[in-house]
Amino acid sequence: MTFSFRSFALASTLLASLTGAAVAEDVTIRYLGGSGGLSAHELAAELGYFEGTGITLENVGNAAGGPESLIALAGGSVDLGSAATAAVLNSIAAGNDFVAAYPSNGITEEAQSIFYVLEDSPIKEIKDIVGKTIAVNTLGAHLEYAVREALHQQGLPPDAANLIVVPGPQLEQVLRSGQVDIAAFGYWQTTFEGAARQNGGLRKVFGDTEVLGEIAGGFVTLRRDWVEAHPEAARTFVEQSARALDYAREFPEETKVVLRDALNARGENGDLAQYFQGYGVREGGLAVERDVQFWIDVLEREAKVAAGTLSPSEILYVANDAVASK
C-alpha cells in the first residue's frame, strides 16, 4: 500500500478541526543516543516540550554511529533511528520501510564536518588524501560518503582513501599521536571539534560544505508502520523536535547551558558544550527535496540503488504540509 504523508497530514488537520483537540496517547519512544551532544528530540525533552503530550523518550543505550541505530530500528529494539541521509536511503533500498521524520542536523558554514591534519602535514588539499588513513566515527555513514564524493569531484576513485573507525572522543588523540593521517569530525561532533581546535596545532584540509553545499546531513527516522499506528504521536514528536531546533537557533547560549547540564548528568565532559555550533537546520526544521535527491543521485551513480527506486516524496515525512520544494 502506498502511504502519502502529505495527504495524511492534511486529513489529520481536518479531523482535528472537526472533533476538537486529540486526546494524548501514551507512547514511549525508545532510541539510541550518542556521546558529546543532544539530538533535537532530546533537547525537546530537556526543555519540557513533550510534557502533557503522552510522549516519553527512553534512551536504551548509545550507538557508535547511524547505521547501528538503523539496524536497531529495523529489528524493533528501538522506535527511531538517526543516521546520515545516504545511510537512511541505503537502508530503505535494502527493504526497510522507513520514513525521514526530520533533519537531525544541517551542513552549513557554522555547523559542518571538518577534516583535520597536523599543522606540519604535507596533506594540503583533497587530492592529497589518496592513500591516506582517515579516522571516522563509523563506516557506511556520512563521513565515508563525504570522502567518496570529495574524491569523485576531483576525478579520483571514490575509494582511494583508507577509512578506520575511531570513537568521537578519541579523534583528536589518534591524530596527534600519528596513528592516522586525518581525523574527520562530523557535523554532529562540533563539541569534540571545538575542543581539538582550541588545543591548536591542527589545520583544516576541507569541510563537507565545500563538497556538498548547504544540505541536511542526516535524518531522524521512523518506521512507517509505527507512524501509521501512532499518527498523532508521530506528528507531535516531529513538531516538538522542530520546535527544539528553532530554540537552539534563537537561543544558542541557553542551549549550551542545557547541553552542559545534560552532558554532566550523563557523566560526560560538560565543558565541551561551549563549542556547540548548533544544528544547522532550516527554520521550522524543514527538509527540502534536494536534501534527499542529492544522495539518491549519488547512490544511483555508484550503482548502490537502481534508478527510479527511491523518491523524496515517498521518504520525507510531512507534518502540516511542512516541506519546501527545492
C-alpha atoms as a PDB file:
ATOM      1  CA  MET A   1       0.000   0.000   0.000  1.00  0.00           C
ATOM      2  CA  THR A   2       1.282   3.478  -0.860  1.00  0.00           C
ATOM      3  CA  PHE A   3       1.085   5.846   2.107  1.00  0.00           C
ATOM      4  CA  SER A   4       1.058   9.588   1.366  1.00  0.00           C
ATOM      5  CA  PHE A   5       2.304  11.604   4.308  1.00  0.00           C
ATOM      6  CA  ARG A   6       1.203  14.866   2.697  1.00  0.00           C
ATOM      7  CA  SER A   7      -2.364  13.610   2.337  1.00  0.00           C
ATOM      8  CA  PHE A   8      -2.259  12.118   5.805  1.00  0.00           C
ATOM      9  CA  ALA A   9      -1.160  15.384   7.387  1.00  0.00           C
ATOM     10  CA  LEU A  10      -3.972  17.305   5.713  1.00  0.00           C
ATOM     11  CA  ALA A  11      -6.532  14.682   6.704  1.00  0.00           C
ATOM     12  CA  SER A  12      -5.314  14.719  10.307  1.00  0.00           C
ATOM     13  CA  THR A  13      -5.585  18.501  10.454  1.00  0.00           C
ATOM     14  CA  LEU A  14      -9.157  18.387   9.111  1.00  0.00           C
ATOM     15  CA  LEU A  15     -10.142  15.640  11.563  1.00  0.00           C
ATOM     16  CA  ALA A  16      -8.742  17.600  14.484  1.00  0.00           C
ATOM     17  CA  SER A  17     -10.682  20.694  13.459  1.00  0.00           C
ATOM     18  CA  LEU A  18     -13.921  18.689  13.343  1.00  0.00           C
ATOM     19  CA  THR A  19     -13.516  16.698  16.541  1.00  0.00           C
ATOM     20  CA  GLY A  20     -11.511  19.071  18.755  1.00  0.00           C
ATOM     21  CA  ALA A  21      -8.080  18.556  20.226  1.00  0.00           C
ATOM     22  CA  ALA A  22      -6.878  14.989  20.060  1.00  0.00           C
ATOM     23  CA  VAL A  23      -6.505  13.106  23.321  1.00  0.00           C
ATOM     24  CA  ALA A  24      -2.827  12.496  24.035  1.00  0.00           C
ATOM     25  CA  GLU A  25      -1.835   8.883  23.504  1.00  0.00           C
ATOM     26  CA  ASP A  26       0.704   7.448  25.943  1.00  0.00           C
ATOM     27  CA  VAL A  27       3.647   6.391  23.795  1.00  0.00           C
ATOM     28  CA  THR A  28       7.190   5.504  24.824  1.00  0.00           C
ATOM     29  CA  ILE A  29       9.766   6.131  22.110  1.00  0.00           C
ATOM     30  CA  ARG A  30      12.929   4.101  22.576  1.00  0.00           C
ATOM     31  CA  TYR A  31      16.136   5.300  20.989  1.00  0.00           C
ATOM     32  CA  LEU A  32      19.911   5.031  20.995  1.00  0.00           C
ATOM     33  CA  GLY A  33      21.797   8.157  21.983  1.00  0.00           C
ATOM     34  CA  GLY A  34      25.326   9.321  21.293  1.00  0.00           C
ATOM     35  CA  SER A  35      28.184  10.936  23.156  1.00  0.00           C
ATOM     36  CA  GLY A  36      29.108  14.605  23.163  1.00  0.00           C
ATOM     37  CA  GLY A  37      25.760  16.072  22.191  1.00  0.00           C
ATOM     38  CA  LEU A  38      21.979  16.074  22.278  1.00  0.00           C
ATOM     39  CA  SER A  39      19.631  15.234  19.441  1.00  0.00           C
ATOM     40  CA  ALA A  40      16.809  17.702  18.865  1.00  0.00           C
ATOM     41  CA  HIS A  41      14.262  15.345  20.423  1.00  0.00           C
ATOM     42  CA  GLU A  42      16.498  15.002  23.485  1.00  0.00           C
ATOM     43  CA  LEU A  43      16.722  18.784  23.676  1.00  0.00           C
ATOM     44  CA  ALA A  44      12.935  18.970  23.349  1.00  0.00           C
ATOM     45  CA  ALA A  45      12.599  16.605  26.301  1.00  0.00           C
ATOM     46  CA  GLU A  46      15.086  18.655  28.342  1.00  0.00           C
ATOM     47  CA  LEU A  47      13.040  21.785  27.572  1.00  0.00           C
ATOM     48  CA  GLY A  48       9.806  20.091  28.648  1.00  0.00           C
ATOM     49  CA  TYR A  49       8.217  20.179  25.212  1.00  0.00           C
ATOM     50  CA  PHE A  50       6.815  16.652  25.494  1.00  0.00           C
ATOM     51  CA  GLU A  51       5.134  17.247  28.841  1.00  0.00           C
ATOM     52  CA  GLY A  52       1.398  16.657  28.540  1.00  0.00           C
ATOM     53  CA  THR A  53       1.712  15.118  25.087  1.00  0.00           C
ATOM     54  CA  GLY A  54       1.761  11.492  26.252  1.00  0.00           C
ATOM     55  CA  ILE A  55       5.215  11.016  24.707  1.00  0.00           C
ATOM     56  CA  THR A  56       8.047   9.632  26.830  1.00  0.00           C
ATOM     57  CA  LEU A  57      11.568   9.235  25.442  1.00  0.00           C
ATOM     58  CA  GLU A  58      13.584   6.254  26.668  1.00  0.00           C
ATOM     59  CA  ASN A  59      17.323   6.068  25.997  1.00  0.00           C
ATOM     60  CA  VAL A  60      18.171   2.367  25.771  1.00  0.00           C
ATOM     61  CA  GLY A  61      21.896   2.819  25.109  1.00  0.00           C
ATOM     62  CA  ASN A  62      24.361   4.546  22.821  1.00  0.00           C
ATOM     63  CA  ALA A  63      25.063   3.941  19.140  1.00  0.00           C
ATOM     64  CA  ALA A  64      28.562   4.199  17.701  1.00  0.00           C
ATOM     65  CA  GLY A  65      27.046   5.623  14.533  1.00  0.00           C
ATOM     66  CA  GLY A  66      23.906   5.998  12.480  1.00  0.00           C
ATOM     67  CA  PRO A  67      23.955   2.580  10.766  1.00  0.00           C
ATOM     68  CA  GLU A  68      23.853   0.897  14.174  1.00  0.00           C
ATOM     69  CA  SER A  69      20.709   2.814  15.101  1.00  0.00           C
ATOM     70  CA  LEU A  70      19.081   1.875  11.779  1.00  0.00           C
ATOM     71  CA  ILE A  71      19.819  -1.800  12.403  1.00  0.00           C
ATOM     72  CA  ALA A  72      18.192  -1.488  15.822  1.00  0.00           C
ATOM     73  CA  LEU A  73      15.196   0.296  14.257  1.00  0.00           C
ATOM     74  CA  ALA A  74      14.778  -2.414  11.635  1.00  0.00           C
ATOM     75  CA  GLY A  75      14.970  -5.088  14.344  1.00  0.00           C
ATOM     76  CA  GLY A  76      12.369  -3.392  16.518  1.00  0.00           C
ATOM     77  CA  SER A  77      14.560  -2.831  19.574  1.00  0.00           C
ATOM     78  CA  VAL A  78      14.134   0.956  19.181  1.00  0.00           C
ATOM     79  CA  ASP A  79      11.397   3.145  17.738  1.00  0.00           C
ATOM     80  CA  LEU A  80      13.553   5.725  16.000  1.00  0.00           C
ATOM     81  CA  GLY A  81      16.909   5.828  14.307  1.00  0.00           C
ATOM     82  CA  SER A  82      19.200   8.677  13.361  1.00  0.00           C
ATOM     83  CA  ALA A  83      21.691   8.471  10.527  1.00  0.00           C
ATOM     84  CA  ALA A  84      23.256  10.195   7.561  1.00  0.00           C
ATOM     85  CA  THR A  85      20.912  10.613   4.616  1.00  0.00           C
ATOM     86  CA  ALA A  86      22.870   8.201   2.427  1.00  0.00           C
ATOM     87  CA  ALA A  87      22.749   5.540   5.141  1.00  0.00           C
ATOM     88  CA  VAL A  88      18.989   6.021   5.540  1.00  0.00           C
ATOM     89  CA  LEU A  89      18.475   5.686   1.791  1.00  0.00           C
ATOM     90  CA  ASN A  90      20.621   2.556   1.624  1.00  0.00           C
ATOM     91  CA  SER A  91      18.575   1.039   4.407  1.00  0.00           C
ATOM     92  CA  ILE A  92      15.298   1.847   2.656  1.00  0.00           C
ATOM     93  CA  ALA A  93      16.625   0.457  -0.626  1.00  0.00           C
ATOM     94  CA  ALA A  94      17.519  -2.744   1.221  1.00  0.00           C
ATOM     95  CA  GLY A  95      13.855  -3.238   2.084  1.00  0.00           C
ATOM     96  CA  ASN A  96      13.292  -1.333   5.333  1.00  0.00           C
ATOM     97  CA  ASP A  97      10.108   0.734   5.251  1.00  0.00           C
ATOM     98  CA  PHE A  98      11.454   3.858   6.946  1.00  0.00           C
ATOM     99  CA  VAL A  99      10.481   7.500   6.632  1.00  0.00           C
ATOM    100  CA  ALA A 100      12.694  10.524   7.273  1.00  0.00           C
ATOM    101  CA  ALA A 101      10.930  12.296  10.143  1.00  0.00           C
ATOM    102  CA  TYR A 102      13.016  15.463  10.431  1.00  0.00           C
ATOM    103  CA  PRO A 103      16.570  16.614   9.616  1.00  0.00           C
ATOM    104  CA  SER A 104      18.777  15.789  12.592  1.00  0.00           C
ATOM    105  CA  ASN A 105      21.428  18.299  11.527  1.00  0.00           C
ATOM    106  CA  GLY A 106      22.260  20.522   8.613  1.00  0.00           C
ATOM    107  CA  ILE A 107      25.578  21.270   6.971  1.00  0.00           C
ATOM    108  CA  THR A 108      26.331  24.997   6.940  1.00  0.00           C
ATOM    109  CA  GLU A 109      29.393  27.217   7.293  1.00  0.00           C
ATOM    110  CA  GLU A 110      28.842  27.193  11.051  1.00  0.00           C
ATOM    111  CA  ALA A 111      27.987  23.507  11.537  1.00  0.00           C
ATOM    112  CA  GLN A 112      29.915  21.222   9.223  1.00  0.00           C
ATOM    113  CA  SER A 113      32.147  18.171   9.153  1.00  0.00           C
ATOM    114  CA  ILE A 114      35.834  19.123   9.121  1.00  0.00           C
ATOM    115  CA  PHE A 115      38.794  17.008   8.059  1.00  0.00           C
ATOM    116  CA  TYR A 116      41.870  17.948  10.089  1.00  0.00           C
ATOM    117  CA  VAL A 117      45.573  17.145   9.800  1.00  0.00           C
ATOM    118  CA  LEU A 118      48.501  18.134  11.976  1.00  0.00           C
ATOM    119  CA  GLU A 119      49.813  21.595  11.156  1.00  0.00           C
ATOM    120  CA  ASP A 120      53.020  20.306   9.532  1.00  0.00           C
ATOM    121  CA  SER A 121      51.304  17.616   7.465  1.00  0.00           C
ATOM    122  CA  PRO A 122      52.079  17.526   3.729  1.00  0.00           C
ATOM    123  CA  ILE A 123      48.358  16.993   3.069  1.00  0.00           C
ATOM    124  CA  LYS A 124      47.087  20.318   1.721  1.00  0.00           C
ATOM    125  CA  GLU A 125      44.008  19.597  -0.371  1.00  0.00           C
ATOM    126  CA  ILE A 126      41.518  16.886  -1.250  1.00  0.00           C
ATOM    127  CA  LYS A 127      43.665  15.233  -3.912  1.00  0.00           C
ATOM    128  CA  ASP A 128      46.341  14.667  -1.258  1.00  0.00           C
ATOM    129  CA  ILE A 129      44.117  12.320   0.778  1.00  0.00           C
ATOM    130  CA  VAL A 130      44.575   9.491  -1.739  1.00  0.00           C
ATOM    131  CA  GLY A 131      46.123   6.525   0.064  1.00  0.00           C
ATOM    132  CA  LYS A 132      45.933   8.269   3.425  1.00  0.00           C
ATOM    133  CA  THR A 133      44.266   6.976   6.588  1.00  0.00           C
ATOM    134  CA  ILE A 134      41.220   8.884   7.816  1.00  0.00           C
ATOM    135  CA  ALA A 135      39.619   8.387  11.233  1.00  0.00           C
ATOM    136  CA  VAL A 136      35.795   8.445  11.132  1.00  0.00           C
ATOM    137  CA  ASN A 137      33.205   7.548  13.751  1.00  0.00           C
ATOM    138  CA  THR A 138      31.674   4.730  11.708  1.00  0.00           C
ATOM    139  CA  LEU A 139      31.668   3.254   8.216  1.00  0.00           C
ATOM    140  CA  GLY A 140      28.796   3.395   5.750  1.00  0.00           C
ATOM    141  CA  ALA A 141      27.618   6.782   7.002  1.00  0.00           C
ATOM    142  CA  HIS A 142      28.049  10.484   6.329  1.00  0.00           C
ATOM    143  CA  LEU A 143      31.808  10.875   6.644  1.00  0.00           C
ATOM    144  CA  GLU A 144      32.509   7.947   4.352  1.00  0.00           C
ATOM    145  CA  TYR A 145      30.111   9.282   1.722  1.00  0.00           C
ATOM    146  CA  ALA A 146      31.515  12.799   2.079  1.00  0.00           C
ATOM    147  CA  VAL A 147      35.015  11.424   1.397  1.00  0.00           C
ATOM    148  CA  ARG A 148      33.778   9.423  -1.586  1.00  0.00           C
ATOM    149  CA  GLU A 149      32.023  12.453  -3.052  1.00  0.00           C
ATOM    150  CA  ALA A 150      35.037  14.711  -2.444  1.00  0.00           C
ATOM    151  CA  LEU A 151      37.293  12.297  -4.322  1.00  0.00           C
ATOM    152  CA  HIS A 152      34.752  11.865  -7.129  1.00  0.00           C
ATOM    153  CA  GLN A 153      34.577  15.629  -7.642  1.00  0.00           C
ATOM    154  CA  GLN A 154      38.363  15.637  -8.076  1.00  0.00           C
ATOM    155  CA  GLY A 155      38.120  12.928 -10.742  1.00  0.00           C
ATOM    156  CA  LEU A 156      39.628  10.350  -8.382  1.00  0.00           C
ATOM    157  CA  PRO A 157      38.394   6.868  -7.388  1.00  0.00           C
ATOM    158  CA  PRO A 158      35.881   7.287  -4.543  1.00  0.00           C
ATOM    159  CA  ASP A 159      37.530   4.506  -2.527  1.00  0.00           C
ATOM    160  CA  ALA A 160      41.076   5.913  -2.844  1.00  0.00           C
ATOM    161  CA  ALA A 161      41.404   6.785   0.874  1.00  0.00           C
ATOM    162  CA  ASN A 162      41.550   4.369   3.804  1.00  0.00           C
ATOM    163  CA  LEU A 163      38.923   4.856   6.496  1.00  0.00           C
ATOM    164  CA  ILE A 164      39.183   3.448  10.009  1.00  0.00           C
ATOM    165  CA  VAL A 165      36.678   3.663  12.849  1.00  0.00           C
ATOM    166  CA  VAL A 166      37.576   5.777  15.879  1.00  0.00           C
ATOM    167  CA  PRO A 167      35.035   6.919  18.532  1.00  0.00           C
ATOM    168  CA  GLY A 168      34.458  10.666  18.625  1.00  0.00           C
ATOM    169  CA  PRO A 169      36.152  11.290  21.997  1.00  0.00           C
ATOM    170  CA  GLN A 170      39.384   9.707  20.665  1.00  0.00           C
ATOM    171  CA  LEU A 171      39.612  11.500  17.301  1.00  0.00           C
ATOM    172  CA  GLU A 172      41.973  14.216  18.479  1.00  0.00           C
ATOM    173  CA  GLN A 173      44.178  11.722  20.326  1.00  0.00           C
ATOM    174  CA  VAL A 174      44.733   9.381  17.373  1.00  0.00           C
ATOM    175  CA  LEU A 175      45.564  12.305  15.094  1.00  0.00           C
ATOM    176  CA  ARG A 176      48.041  13.920  17.464  1.00  0.00           C
ATOM    177  CA  SER A 177      49.712  10.580  18.175  1.00  0.00           C
ATOM    178  CA  GLY A 178      50.239   9.941  14.457  1.00  0.00           C
ATOM    179  CA  GLN A 179      48.060   6.837  14.298  1.00  0.00           C
ATOM    180  CA  VAL A 180      46.084   8.372  11.419  1.00  0.00           C
ATOM    181  CA  ASP A 181      46.812  10.993   8.786  1.00  0.00           C
ATOM    182  CA  ILE A 182      43.473  12.758   9.029  1.00  0.00           C
ATOM    183  CA  ALA A 183      40.753  12.991  11.679  1.00  0.00           C
ATOM    184  CA  ALA A 184      37.219  13.677  10.467  1.00  0.00           C
ATOM    185  CA  PHE A 185      34.977  15.467  12.949  1.00  0.00           C
ATOM    186  CA  GLY A 186      31.361  15.119  11.876  1.00  0.00           C
ATOM    187  CA  TYR A 187      28.866  17.979  11.827  1.00  0.00           C
ATOM    188  CA  TRP A 188      27.257  16.380  14.900  1.00  0.00           C
ATOM    189  CA  GLN A 189      30.624  16.404  16.725  1.00  0.00           C
ATOM    190  CA  THR A 190      31.219  20.159  16.907  1.00  0.00           C
ATOM    191  CA  THR A 191      31.882  19.814  20.640  1.00  0.00           C
ATOM    192  CA  PHE A 192      34.828  17.470  20.030  1.00  0.00           C
ATOM    193  CA  GLU A 193      35.976  19.532  17.037  1.00  0.00           C
ATOM    194  CA  GLY A 194      35.924  22.757  19.008  1.00  0.00           C
ATOM    195  CA  ALA A 195      37.989  21.299  21.825  1.00  0.00           C
ATOM    196  CA  ALA A 196      40.569  19.931  19.372  1.00  0.00           C
ATOM    197  CA  ARG A 197      40.789  23.246  17.523  1.00  0.00           C
ATOM    198  CA  GLN A 198      41.208  25.125  20.796  1.00  0.00           C
ATOM    199  CA  ASN A 199      44.216  22.963  21.659  1.00  0.00           C
ATOM    200  CA  GLY A 200      45.968  24.208  18.494  1.00  0.00           C
ATOM    201  CA  GLY A 201      48.384  22.535  16.126  1.00  0.00           C
ATOM    202  CA  LEU A 202      45.741  21.344  13.655  1.00  0.00           C
ATOM    203  CA  ARG A 203      44.917  22.506  10.141  1.00  0.00           C
ATOM    204  CA  LYS A 204      41.704  22.090   8.167  1.00  0.00           C
ATOM    205  CA  VAL A 205      42.049  20.328   4.814  1.00  0.00           C
ATOM    206  CA  PHE A 206      38.405  20.642   3.794  1.00  0.00           C
ATOM    207  CA  GLY A 207      34.876  20.702   5.121  1.00  0.00           C
ATOM    208  CA  ASP A 208      31.853  18.903   3.763  1.00  0.00           C
ATOM    209  CA  THR A 209      30.090  22.196   2.988  1.00  0.00           C
ATOM    210  CA  GLU A 210      32.709  22.741   0.270  1.00  0.00           C
ATOM    211  CA  VAL A 211      31.813  19.378  -1.240  1.00  0.00           C
ATOM    212  CA  LEU A 212      28.061  19.116  -0.668  1.00  0.00           C
ATOM    213  CA  GLY A 213      26.848  22.682  -0.256  1.00  0.00           C
ATOM    214  CA  GLU A 214      24.312  23.526   2.415  1.00  0.00           C
ATOM    215  CA  ILE A 215      22.212  20.425   2.872  1.00  0.00           C
ATOM    216  CA  ALA A 216      20.676  18.274   5.588  1.00  0.00           C
ATOM    217  CA  GLY A 217      23.346  15.994   6.961  1.00  0.00           C
ATOM    218  CA  GLY A 218      21.038  13.267   8.189  1.00  0.00           C
ATOM    219  CA  PHE A 219      17.563  12.410   9.389  1.00  0.00           C
ATOM    220  CA  VAL A 220      15.819  11.076  12.421  1.00  0.00           C
ATOM    221  CA  THR A 221      13.973   8.102  11.026  1.00  0.00           C
ATOM    222  CA  LEU A 222      10.792   6.254  11.961  1.00  0.00           C
ATOM    223  CA  ARG A 223       9.251   3.004  10.750  1.00  0.00           C
ATOM    224  CA  ARG A 224       6.263   3.607   8.512  1.00  0.00           C
ATOM    225  CA  ASP A 225       4.141   1.068  10.395  1.00  0.00           C
ATOM    226  CA  TRP A 226       4.897   2.893  13.670  1.00  0.00           C
ATOM    227  CA  VAL A 227       3.727   6.184  12.154  1.00  0.00           C
ATOM    228  CA  GLU A 228       0.549   4.521  10.904  1.00  0.00           C
ATOM    229  CA  ALA A 229      -0.092   3.039  14.356  1.00  0.00           C
ATOM    230  CA  HIS A 230       0.662   6.303  16.207  1.00  0.00           C
ATOM    231  CA  PRO A 231      -0.209   9.161  13.833  1.00  0.00           C
ATOM    232  CA  GLU A 232      -0.775  11.848  16.474  1.00  0.00           C
ATOM    233  CA  ALA A 233       2.324  10.860  18.430  1.00  0.00           C
ATOM    234  CA  ALA A 234       4.392  10.953  15.232  1.00  0.00           C
ATOM    235  CA  ARG A 235       3.128  14.426  14.365  1.00  0.00           C
ATOM    236  CA  THR A 236       3.707  15.734  17.885  1.00  0.00           C
ATOM    237  CA  PHE A 237       7.158  14.167  18.081  1.00  0.00           C
ATOM    238  CA  VAL A 238       8.253  15.846  14.854  1.00  0.00           C
ATOM    239  CA  GLU A 239       6.687  19.204  15.673  1.00  0.00           C
ATOM    240  CA  GLN A 240       8.224  19.421  19.141  1.00  0.00           C
ATOM    241  CA  SER A 241      11.618  18.295  17.870  1.00  0.00           C
ATOM    242  CA  ALA A 242      11.458  21.019  15.204  1.00  0.00           C
ATOM    243  CA  ARG A 243      10.491  23.471  17.939  1.00  0.00           C
ATOM    244  CA  ALA A 244      13.666  22.490  19.813  1.00  0.00           C
ATOM    245  CA  LEU A 245      15.723  23.058  16.660  1.00  0.00           C
ATOM    246  CA  ASP A 246      14.301  26.572  16.455  1.00  0.00           C
ATOM    247  CA  TYR A 247      15.038  27.153  20.136  1.00  0.00           C
ATOM    248  CA  ALA A 248      18.687  26.211  19.605  1.00  0.00           C
ATOM    249  CA  ARG A 249      18.933  28.677  16.717  1.00  0.00           C
ATOM    250  CA  GLU A 250      17.267  31.517  18.604  1.00  0.00           C
ATOM    251  CA  PHE A 251      18.913  30.911  21.987  1.00  0.00           C
ATOM    252  CA  PRO A 252      22.372  29.425  21.359  1.00  0.00           C
ATOM    253  CA  GLU A 253      23.863  30.360  24.727  1.00  0.00           C
ATOM    254  CA  GLU A 254      20.910  28.984  26.666  1.00  0.00           C
ATOM    255  CA  THR A 255      21.136  25.809  24.592  1.00  0.00           C
ATOM    256  CA  LYS A 256      24.781  25.408  25.568  1.00  0.00           C
ATOM    257  CA  VAL A 257      23.746  25.540  29.238  1.00  0.00           C
ATOM    258  CA  VAL A 258      21.149  22.810  28.683  1.00  0.00           C
ATOM    259  CA  LEU A 259      23.738  20.732  26.823  1.00  0.00           C
ATOM    260  CA  ARG A 260      26.349  21.275  29.533  1.00  0.00           C
ATOM    261  CA  ASP A 261      23.976  20.111  32.250  1.00  0.00           C
ATOM    262  CA  ALA A 262      22.875  17.094  30.202  1.00  0.00           C
ATOM    263  CA  LEU A 263      26.468  16.041  29.490  1.00  0.00           C
ATOM    264  CA  ASN A 264      27.395  16.374  33.152  1.00  0.00           C
ATOM    265  CA  ALA A 265      24.341  14.346  34.168  1.00  0.00           C
ATOM    266  CA  ARG A 266      25.471  11.577  31.786  1.00  0.00           C
ATOM    267  CA  GLY A 267      28.957  11.541  33.271  1.00  0.00           C
ATOM    268  CA  GLU A 268      30.484  13.222  30.214  1.00  0.00           C
ATOM    269  CA  ASN A 269      32.517  16.422  29.993  1.00  0.00           C
ATOM    270  CA  GLY A 270      30.046  19.294  30.230  1.00  0.00           C
ATOM    271  CA  ASP A 271      32.771  21.807  29.351  1.00  0.00           C
ATOM    272  CA  LEU A 272      32.520  20.611  25.739  1.00  0.00           C
ATOM    273  CA  ALA A 273      29.148  22.347  25.437  1.00  0.00           C
ATOM    274  CA  GLN A 274      30.884  25.703  24.916  1.00  0.00           C
ATOM    275  CA  TYR A 275      31.967  24.528  21.464  1.00  0.00           C
ATOM    276  CA  PHE A 276      28.473  23.548  20.274  1.00  0.00           C
ATOM    277  CA  GLN A 277      27.815  25.223  16.895  1.00  0.00           C
ATOM    278  CA  GLY A 278      24.101  24.487  16.620  1.00  0.00           C
ATOM    279  CA  TYR A 279      22.183  22.026  14.480  1.00  0.00           C
ATOM    280  CA  GLY A 280      22.405  23.909  11.191  1.00  0.00           C
ATOM    281  CA  VAL A 281      18.810  23.067  10.265  1.00  0.00           C
ATOM    282  CA  ARG A 282      16.450  25.450   8.476  1.00  0.00           C
ATOM    283  CA  GLU A 283      13.809  27.364  10.390  1.00  0.00           C
ATOM    284  CA  GLY A 284      10.947  25.105  11.395  1.00  0.00           C
ATOM    285  CA  GLY A 285      13.094  22.013  10.966  1.00  0.00           C
ATOM    286  CA  LEU A 286      12.182  21.963   7.287  1.00  0.00           C
ATOM    287  CA  ALA A 287      13.614  19.495   4.822  1.00  0.00           C
ATOM    288  CA  VAL A 288      13.882  20.268   1.126  1.00  0.00           C
ATOM    289  CA  GLU A 289      13.790  17.715  -1.654  1.00  0.00           C
ATOM    290  CA  ARG A 290      17.461  18.321  -2.512  1.00  0.00           C
ATOM    291  CA  ASP A 291      18.410  17.022   0.953  1.00  0.00           C
ATOM    292  CA  VAL A 292      17.341  13.594  -0.247  1.00  0.00           C
ATOM    293  CA  GLN A 293      17.599  13.832  -4.042  1.00  0.00           C
ATOM    294  CA  PHE A 294      21.294  14.752  -3.946  1.00  0.00           C
ATOM    295  CA  TRP A 295      22.132  11.443  -2.273  1.00  0.00           C
ATOM    296  CA  ILE A 296      19.706   9.457  -4.402  1.00  0.00           C
ATOM    297  CA  ASP A 297      21.637  10.708  -7.435  1.00  0.00           C
ATOM    298  CA  VAL A 298      24.961   9.745  -5.830  1.00  0.00           C
ATOM    299  CA  LEU A 299      23.762   6.255  -4.910  1.00  0.00           C
ATOM    300  CA  GLU A 300      22.352   5.726  -8.405  1.00  0.00           C
ATOM    301  CA  ARG A 301      25.627   6.914  -9.939  1.00  0.00           C
ATOM    302  CA  GLU A 302      27.556   4.433  -7.805  1.00  0.00           C
ATOM    303  CA  ALA A 303      25.036   1.672  -8.638  1.00  0.00           C
ATOM    304  CA  LYS A 304      24.171   1.296  -4.953  1.00  0.00           C
ATOM    305  CA  VAL A 305      20.472   1.612  -5.772  1.00  0.00           C
ATOM    306  CA  ALA A 306      18.571   1.087  -9.003  1.00  0.00           C
ATOM    307  CA  ALA A 307      17.496   4.213 -10.859  1.00  0.00           C
ATOM    308  CA  GLY A 308      13.967   5.276 -10.010  1.00  0.00           C
ATOM    309  CA  THR A 309      13.772   3.115  -6.892  1.00  0.00           C
ATOM    310  CA  LEU A 310      13.712   5.989  -4.407  1.00  0.00           C
ATOM    311  CA  SER A 311      11.752   9.231  -4.386  1.00  0.00           C
ATOM    312  CA  PRO A 312      11.934  12.115  -1.889  1.00  0.00           C
ATOM    313  CA  SER A 313       8.153  12.403  -1.795  1.00  0.00           C
ATOM    314  CA  GLU A 314       7.857   8.830  -0.526  1.00  0.00           C
ATOM    315  CA  ILE A 315      10.628   9.206   2.046  1.00  0.00           C
ATOM    316  CA  LEU A 316      10.085  12.613   3.681  1.00  0.00           C
ATOM    317  CA  TYR A 317       7.514  12.741   6.452  1.00  0.00           C
ATOM    318  CA  VAL A 318       5.322  15.807   6.093  1.00  0.00           C
ATOM    319  CA  ALA A 319       3.603  17.324   9.120  1.00  0.00           C
ATOM    320  CA  ASN A 320       1.127  20.060   8.268  1.00  0.00           C
ATOM    321  CA  ASP A 321       2.439  20.188   4.697  1.00  0.00           C
ATOM    322  CA  ALA A 322       5.805  21.416   6.030  1.00  0.00           C
ATOM    323  CA  VAL A 323       8.343  20.685   3.337  1.00  0.00           C
ATOM    324  CA  ALA A 324       9.980  23.021   0.904  1.00  0.00           C
ATOM    325  CA  SER A 325      10.186  22.213  -2.790  1.00  0.00           C
ATOM    326  CA  LYS A 326      13.844  22.922  -3.508  1.00  0.00           C
END
